[in-house]
N, C-alpha and C. Protein backbone atom coordinates (compact mmCIF):
# COMPACT_ATOMS: atom_id res chain seq x y z
N MET A 1 -9.00 9.22 42.66
CA MET A 1 -8.31 9.08 41.15
C MET A 1 -8.42 8.81 40.58
N ILE A 2 -8.60 7.39 40.57
CA ILE A 2 -8.56 6.24 39.61
C ILE A 2 -10.70 6.18 38.78
N GLU A 3 -11.39 6.55 39.87
CA GLU A 3 -12.93 7.34 39.40
C GLU A 3 -12.86 8.14 38.48
N ARG A 4 -11.47 9.45 38.50
CA ARG A 4 -11.79 10.50 38.16
C ARG A 4 -11.50 10.83 36.17
N ASN A 5 -10.18 9.37 36.57
CA ASN A 5 -9.37 9.04 34.87
C ASN A 5 -10.65 8.01 34.29
N LEU A 6 -11.30 7.53 34.78
CA LEU A 6 -13.03 6.78 34.26
C LEU A 6 -13.70 7.49 33.50
N LYS A 7 -13.82 8.94 34.85
CA LYS A 7 -15.14 9.35 34.25
C LYS A 7 -14.25 10.54 32.96
N SER A 8 -13.27 10.70 32.88
CA SER A 8 -12.36 11.80 31.69
C SER A 8 -12.45 10.79 30.60
N CYS A 9 -12.20 9.56 30.47
CA CYS A 9 -12.13 8.00 29.76
C CYS A 9 -13.40 8.73 29.33
N LEU A 10 -14.77 8.07 30.19
CA LEU A 10 -15.75 8.02 29.35
C LEU A 10 -16.26 9.05 28.72
N ALA A 11 -15.87 10.67 29.33
CA ALA A 11 -16.58 11.46 28.75
C ALA A 11 -15.90 11.98 27.29
N VAL A 12 -14.16 11.44 26.99
CA VAL A 12 -13.87 11.19 25.43
C VAL A 12 -14.42 10.31 24.75
N LEU A 13 -15.17 8.87 24.91
CA LEU A 13 -15.21 8.10 24.49
C LEU A 13 -16.78 8.88 23.90
N CYS A 14 -17.87 8.96 24.94
CA CYS A 14 -18.94 9.88 24.21
C CYS A 14 -19.03 10.61 23.12
N CYS A 15 -17.68 11.88 23.86
CA CYS A 15 -18.05 13.09 22.43
C CYS A 15 -16.82 12.16 21.11
N TRP A 16 -16.35 11.23 20.88
CA TRP A 16 -16.25 10.54 19.60
C TRP A 16 -16.91 10.53 19.34
N MET A 17 -17.66 8.91 19.74
CA MET A 17 -19.22 8.54 19.26
C MET A 17 -20.08 9.39 18.81
N ILE A 18 -20.34 10.49 19.53
CA ILE A 18 -21.25 12.07 18.80
C ILE A 18 -20.41 12.52 18.09
N ALA A 19 -19.11 12.88 17.42
CA ALA A 19 -18.73 13.29 16.49
C ALA A 19 -18.55 11.96 15.13
N LEU A 20 -18.45 10.63 15.36
CA LEU A 20 -18.83 9.39 14.11
C LEU A 20 -19.72 9.45 14.52
N GLY A 21 -20.76 9.36 14.76
CA GLY A 21 -22.19 9.87 14.27
C GLY A 21 -23.07 10.85 13.41
N MET A 22 -22.76 12.27 14.01
CA MET A 22 -22.36 12.92 12.60
C MET A 22 -21.84 13.07 11.91
N ALA A 23 -20.52 12.75 11.62
CA ALA A 23 -19.26 12.36 10.58
C ALA A 23 -20.55 11.26 9.13
N TYR A 24 -21.30 10.40 9.75
CA TYR A 24 -21.30 9.53 8.96
C TYR A 24 -23.52 9.85 8.61
N GLY A 25 -23.57 10.52 9.24
CA GLY A 25 -25.86 11.07 8.81
C GLY A 25 -25.37 11.34 7.63
N GLN A 26 -27.06 11.37 7.27
CA GLN A 26 -26.63 11.65 5.95
C GLN A 26 -26.87 13.58 5.75
N ARG A 27 -26.37 13.51 4.70
CA ARG A 27 -26.13 15.08 4.15
C ARG A 27 -27.25 14.61 2.69
N GLN A 28 -27.69 16.27 3.06
CA GLN A 28 -28.76 16.69 1.50
C GLN A 28 -27.70 17.85 1.03
N ILE A 29 -27.80 17.94 -0.19
CA ILE A 29 -27.42 19.22 -1.25
C ILE A 29 -28.08 19.17 -1.95
N THR A 30 -28.62 21.18 -1.88
CA THR A 30 -29.97 21.11 -2.80
C THR A 30 -29.34 22.56 -3.67
N GLY A 31 -29.94 22.67 -4.29
CA GLY A 31 -29.13 23.85 -5.82
C GLY A 31 -30.29 24.35 -6.57
N SER A 32 -29.96 24.99 -7.63
CA SER A 32 -30.49 25.02 -8.11
C SER A 32 -29.87 25.18 -10.16
N VAL A 33 -30.42 24.92 -11.28
CA VAL A 33 -29.85 24.50 -12.28
C VAL A 33 -30.45 26.35 -13.12
N THR A 34 -29.58 26.87 -14.04
CA THR A 34 -30.32 27.84 -14.70
C THR A 34 -29.38 27.93 -16.26
N ASP A 35 -30.12 28.49 -17.03
CA ASP A 35 -29.60 28.91 -18.58
C ASP A 35 -28.24 29.86 -17.70
N SER A 36 -27.48 29.92 -19.10
CA SER A 36 -26.07 30.57 -18.53
C SER A 36 -25.74 32.00 -19.35
N GLU A 37 -27.07 31.71 -19.91
CA GLU A 37 -27.32 33.25 -21.39
C GLU A 37 -28.36 33.90 -20.69
N THR A 38 -29.58 33.00 -19.93
CA THR A 38 -30.89 33.89 -19.68
C THR A 38 -30.87 33.74 -18.77
N GLY A 39 -30.48 33.24 -17.61
CA GLY A 39 -30.74 33.34 -16.42
C GLY A 39 -31.91 32.06 -15.87
N GLU A 40 -32.52 31.74 -16.90
CA GLU A 40 -34.04 31.39 -16.81
C GLU A 40 -33.93 29.75 -16.00
N PRO A 41 -34.65 29.10 -15.07
CA PRO A 41 -34.25 28.00 -14.66
C PRO A 41 -34.58 26.86 -15.54
N LEU A 42 -33.80 25.95 -15.93
CA LEU A 42 -33.91 24.83 -16.46
C LEU A 42 -35.05 23.73 -16.01
N ILE A 43 -35.27 22.89 -16.84
CA ILE A 43 -36.99 22.52 -16.19
C ILE A 43 -36.04 21.16 -16.65
N GLY A 44 -36.48 19.88 -15.91
CA GLY A 44 -36.01 18.52 -16.23
C GLY A 44 -34.39 18.21 -16.29
N ALA A 45 -33.52 19.14 -15.38
CA ALA A 45 -31.93 19.29 -16.08
C ALA A 45 -31.97 17.20 -14.88
N THR A 46 -31.15 16.91 -15.44
CA THR A 46 -30.00 15.96 -14.59
C THR A 46 -29.09 16.44 -13.55
N VAL A 47 -29.10 15.64 -12.08
CA VAL A 47 -28.39 16.35 -12.03
C VAL A 47 -27.68 14.76 -10.52
N ALA A 48 -26.48 14.35 -10.81
CA ALA A 48 -25.36 13.06 -10.26
C ALA A 48 -25.10 13.72 -9.49
N ALA A 49 -24.78 12.68 -8.72
CA ALA A 49 -23.80 13.21 -7.57
C ALA A 49 -22.31 12.07 -8.46
N VAL A 50 -21.18 12.89 -7.91
CA VAL A 50 -20.01 12.20 -8.69
C VAL A 50 -19.33 10.41 -7.79
N GLY A 51 -19.65 9.52 -8.44
CA GLY A 51 -18.84 8.21 -7.50
C GLY A 51 -19.77 7.87 -6.86
N GLY A 52 -21.88 7.78 -7.45
CA GLY A 52 -22.94 7.38 -6.82
C GLY A 52 -23.39 7.25 -8.18
N PRO A 53 -24.76 5.85 -7.49
CA PRO A 53 -25.64 5.70 -7.95
C PRO A 53 -26.69 7.13 -7.63
N VAL A 54 -26.53 8.42 -7.70
CA VAL A 54 -27.94 8.57 -6.37
C VAL A 54 -27.53 10.04 -7.40
N GLY A 55 -29.39 10.52 -8.01
CA GLY A 55 -29.06 11.88 -8.69
C GLY A 55 -30.50 12.26 -8.48
N ALA A 56 -30.71 13.04 -9.16
CA ALA A 56 -31.99 13.79 -9.09
C ALA A 56 -32.26 14.98 -10.49
N VAL A 57 -33.77 15.14 -10.75
CA VAL A 57 -33.88 15.81 -11.64
C VAL A 57 -34.58 17.45 -11.45
N THR A 58 -34.48 18.32 -11.82
CA THR A 58 -34.83 19.94 -11.66
C THR A 58 -36.50 19.09 -11.60
N GLY A 59 -37.25 20.91 -10.72
CA GLY A 59 -38.45 20.80 -10.94
C GLY A 59 -38.68 21.98 -11.78
N LEU A 60 -40.09 22.39 -11.70
CA LEU A 60 -40.40 23.76 -12.23
C LEU A 60 -39.51 24.76 -12.88
N ASP A 61 -38.97 24.89 -10.99
CA ASP A 61 -38.55 25.91 -10.64
C ASP A 61 -36.58 26.15 -11.02
N GLY A 62 -36.26 24.83 -11.41
CA GLY A 62 -34.90 24.65 -11.57
C GLY A 62 -34.30 23.76 -10.57
N ARG A 63 -34.91 23.75 -9.37
CA ARG A 63 -34.60 23.40 -8.39
C ARG A 63 -34.63 22.17 -7.93
N TYR A 64 -33.55 21.24 -7.81
CA TYR A 64 -33.24 19.96 -6.99
C TYR A 64 -32.54 19.69 -5.69
N SER A 65 -32.96 18.73 -5.12
CA SER A 65 -33.05 17.97 -4.06
C SER A 65 -32.32 16.86 -4.20
N VAL A 66 -30.73 16.19 -3.61
CA VAL A 66 -30.20 15.28 -3.37
C VAL A 66 -29.77 14.90 -1.92
N ARG A 67 -30.26 13.66 -2.13
CA ARG A 67 -30.01 12.65 -0.35
C ARG A 67 -29.08 11.92 -0.18
N LEU A 68 -27.65 12.29 0.18
CA LEU A 68 -26.43 11.61 0.22
C LEU A 68 -26.53 11.11 1.38
N ASP A 69 -26.23 8.98 1.29
CA ASP A 69 -26.41 8.51 3.25
C ASP A 69 -25.18 8.00 3.19
């Protein structure tokens, strides 16, 4: 009985560790910036994450990628 409870507690602990690791892992945000009137991609537009020093500049196709750690 004690061995069974110990195994159950260990399984729950492992699940929590995996969930926390995924929650605090790296995230990446991608997208594109286009002109609202013509729909053409905006080259060199600055994209910044709110509340952090992270940002990116759009490429020739208007696309960007920001990695949040």
